[in-house]
Amino acid sequence: MRFTPMLAVVLVALPASLPAAAADTQLASPVGLWQPLDSAGKPEGLIRIFETNGLYYGRIEPSSPDDDRNARCTRCSDDRHNQPIIGLVLLRHLRPQDGQYVGGDILDPDTGRIYGCTLRLTHGGRDAVMRGFLGISLLGHSQIWRRVGNPPRQLNARPPPS
């Protein structure tokens, strides 16, 4: 399994004004299983995002029977050094703020580099834009992540117009 979270550069534009139902749905939780996509739109492994004490984290999940379950993060320089790649928490400390998730960091297990990151849900929570950066968000790369399965339901979301 080769997983590279920061390879793709994708620009995503949202309309200036979203209908109220779309704006409500966009605030759906990122909790669930996600598939990062490379620049050609091909899936690159699986990430499970989970919430603990109001913060969001993501760990690498097995994506095929051929995944090397013995592979370790030998280039990681923090507490994840030599931890198994499958099950590795590569996304940490994201917190909700103004309709997106900010303040976190993401690890590239291939290089051991740690980047600041933000996550923004799009398309009603079916997709997410993961932005990794060094220092400031302007100096970074974005990658589309596609939700595997259905997004969680919003409690107060309005039904679509008839």
Protein backbone atom coordinates (compact mmCIF):
# COMPACT_ATOMS: atom_id res chain seq x y z
CA MET A 1 0.00 0.00 0.00
CA ARG A 2 1.38 3.36 -0.97
CA PHE A 3 -0.29 6.33 0.70
CA THR A 4 0.77 9.86 -0.05
CA PRO A 5 -1.59 12.42 1.49
CA MET A 6 -0.06 15.53 -0.08
CA LEU A 7 0.52 14.61 -3.74
CA ALA A 8 -2.52 16.08 -5.46
CA VAL A 9 -3.09 19.76 -6.07
CA VAL A 10 -6.79 20.33 -6.59
CA LEU A 11 -8.58 23.67 -6.70
CA VAL A 12 -12.20 23.50 -5.62
CA ALA A 13 -14.51 26.47 -5.99
CA LEU A 14 -17.83 26.71 -4.18
CA PRO A 15 -20.63 28.98 -5.35
CA ALA A 16 -20.72 32.33 -3.57
CA SER A 17 -24.20 31.67 -2.21
CA LEU A 18 -25.32 28.22 -1.22
CA PRO A 19 -28.95 27.36 -0.52
CA ALA A 20 -29.68 27.09 3.22
CA ALA A 21 -30.12 23.31 3.06
CA ALA A 22 -26.75 22.90 1.32
CA ALA A 23 -25.04 25.11 3.89
CA ASP A 24 -26.58 23.09 6.76
CA THR A 25 -25.57 19.79 5.16
CA GLN A 26 -22.03 21.02 4.64
CA LEU A 27 -21.61 21.09 8.41
CA ALA A 28 -22.03 17.29 8.64
CA SER A 29 -19.46 15.51 10.77
CA PRO A 30 -16.29 14.22 9.10
CA VAL A 31 -16.51 11.04 11.21
CA GLY A 32 -16.36 7.99 8.97
CA LEU A 33 -14.31 6.19 6.37
CA TRP A 34 -12.59 8.26 3.64
CA GLN A 35 -10.67 7.48 0.46
CA PRO A 36 -8.02 10.06 -0.54
CA LEU A 37 -7.83 10.52 -4.32
CA ASP A 38 -4.67 11.17 -6.31
CA SER A 39 -4.47 13.90 -8.99
CA ALA A 40 -6.04 11.52 -11.54
CA GLY A 41 -8.94 10.71 -9.19
CA LYS A 42 -7.65 7.23 -8.33
CA PRO A 43 -8.19 6.04 -4.71
CA GLU A 44 -5.10 5.92 -2.46
CA GLY A 45 -5.94 3.81 0.58
CA LEU A 46 -8.46 4.39 3.37
CA ILE A 47 -8.55 6.79 6.33
CA ARG A 48 -11.01 6.46 9.23
CA ILE A 49 -11.77 9.80 10.89
CA PHE A 50 -12.96 9.62 14.49
CA GLU A 51 -13.74 12.12 17.23
CA THR A 52 -12.27 12.14 20.73
CA ASN A 53 -13.03 14.88 23.27
CA GLY A 54 -14.21 17.30 20.57
CA LEU A 55 -11.13 16.84 18.35
CA TYR A 56 -10.90 14.84 15.13
CA TYR A 57 -8.24 12.27 14.23
CA GLY A 58 -7.67 9.97 11.26
CA ARG A 59 -5.96 6.60 11.08
CA ILE A 60 -4.89 4.49 8.13
CA GLU A 61 -7.15 1.48 7.58
CA PRO A 62 -6.43 -1.64 5.53
CA SER A 63 -7.63 -1.10 1.97
CA SER A 64 -6.81 -4.43 0.32
CA PRO A 65 -5.76 -7.96 1.27
CA ASP A 66 -2.39 -7.18 -0.34
CA ASP A 67 -1.55 -4.40 2.16
CA ASP A 68 1.77 -5.00 3.90
CA ARG A 69 0.67 -5.37 7.52
CA ASN A 70 4.31 -5.40 8.64
CA ALA A 71 5.19 -2.02 7.08
CA ARG A 72 6.29 0.55 9.66
CA CYS A 73 6.70 4.30 9.63
CA THR A 74 10.49 4.28 9.71
CA ARG A 75 10.77 7.92 8.58
CA CYS A 76 8.47 9.27 11.28
CA SER A 77 10.42 11.39 13.75
CA ASP A 78 7.88 11.69 16.59
CA ASP A 79 6.04 9.16 18.78
CA ARG A 80 4.85 7.39 15.59
CA HIS A 81 8.40 6.29 14.70
CA ASN A 82 8.42 2.56 13.84
CA GLN A 83 4.66 2.26 14.39
CA PRO A 84 2.76 0.02 11.94
CA ILE A 85 1.43 1.95 8.91
CA ILE A 86 -1.94 0.14 9.15
CA GLY A 87 -3.59 1.73 12.17
CA LEU A 88 -1.24 4.74 12.20
CA VAL A 89 -2.89 7.99 13.28
CA LEU A 90 -1.75 10.37 10.58
CA LEU A 91 -4.34 13.13 11.11
CA ARG A 92 -4.49 14.77 14.54
CA HIS A 93 -6.09 17.55 16.58
CA LEU A 94 -8.58 19.01 14.08
CA ARG A 95 -11.29 21.13 15.72
CA PRO A 96 -14.46 22.55 14.19
CA GLN A 97 -14.42 26.28 13.45
CA ASP A 98 -16.62 28.31 11.10
CA GLY A 99 -17.86 25.34 9.05
CA GLN A 100 -14.47 23.68 8.61
CA TYR A 101 -11.95 21.76 10.72
CA VAL A 102 -8.73 23.56 11.59
CA GLY A 103 -5.65 23.50 13.82
CA GLY A 104 -4.60 19.96 13.06
CA ASP A 105 -1.60 18.27 11.56
CA ILE A 106 -1.16 15.48 9.03
CA LEU A 107 1.76 13.11 8.60
CA ASP A 108 3.11 11.90 5.27
CA PRO A 109 4.29 8.39 6.25
CA ASP A 110 6.44 8.13 3.11
CA THR A 111 8.63 11.08 4.09
CA GLY A 112 7.98 11.42 7.83
CA ARG A 113 7.09 15.09 7.33
CA ILE A 114 4.33 16.65 9.41
CA TYR A 115 2.21 19.41 7.89
CA GLY A 116 -0.41 21.73 9.33
CA CYS A 117 -3.84 20.93 7.92
CA THR A 118 -7.45 21.94 7.52
CA LEU A 119 -10.42 19.92 6.36
CA ARG A 120 -13.54 21.26 4.66
CA LEU A 121 -16.55 19.11 3.78
CA THR A 122 -18.10 19.64 0.33
CA HIS A 123 -20.94 18.18 -1.72
CA GLY A 124 -23.16 17.66 1.31
CA GLY A 125 -20.46 15.82 3.26
CA ARG A 126 -19.74 13.29 0.49
CA ASP A 127 -16.34 14.84 -0.27
CA ALA A 128 -13.75 16.71 1.74
CA VAL A 129 -10.89 18.99 0.80
CA MET A 130 -7.84 18.16 2.92
CA ARG A 131 -5.27 20.95 2.79
CA GLY A 132 -1.78 20.28 4.08
CA PHE A 133 0.67 23.15 4.41
CA LEU A 134 3.97 24.34 5.84
CA GLY A 135 3.53 27.38 8.06
CA ILE A 136 0.59 29.07 6.35
CA SER A 137 -2.23 27.56 4.31
CA LEU A 138 -1.21 29.59 1.25
CA LEU A 139 1.93 27.43 1.01
CA GLY A 140 0.33 24.03 0.66
CA HIS A 141 -1.49 21.42 -1.37
CA SER A 142 -5.08 20.24 -1.34
CA GLN A 143 -6.37 16.75 -1.90
CA ILE A 144 -9.92 15.51 -2.38
CA TRP A 145 -11.08 12.78 -0.03
CA ARG A 146 -14.24 10.85 -0.94
CA ARG A 147 -16.46 9.41 1.79
CA VAL A 148 -16.91 5.64 1.67
CA GLY A 149 -20.57 4.94 2.45
CA ASN A 150 -23.20 7.50 3.41
CA PRO A 151 -22.51 10.74 5.30
CA PRO A 152 -24.01 11.08 8.78
CA ARG A 153 -27.46 12.70 8.96
CA GLN A 154 -27.85 16.24 10.21
CA LEU A 155 -30.35 16.61 13.03
CA ASN A 156 -31.56 20.07 11.98
CA ALA A 157 -30.98 19.88 8.24
CA ARG A 158 -33.84 21.18 6.12
CA PRO A 159 -35.29 18.90 3.45
CA PRO A 160 -34.39 19.79 -0.15
CA PRO A 161 -36.89 22.05 -1.94
CA SER A 162 -39.63 20.21 -3.86
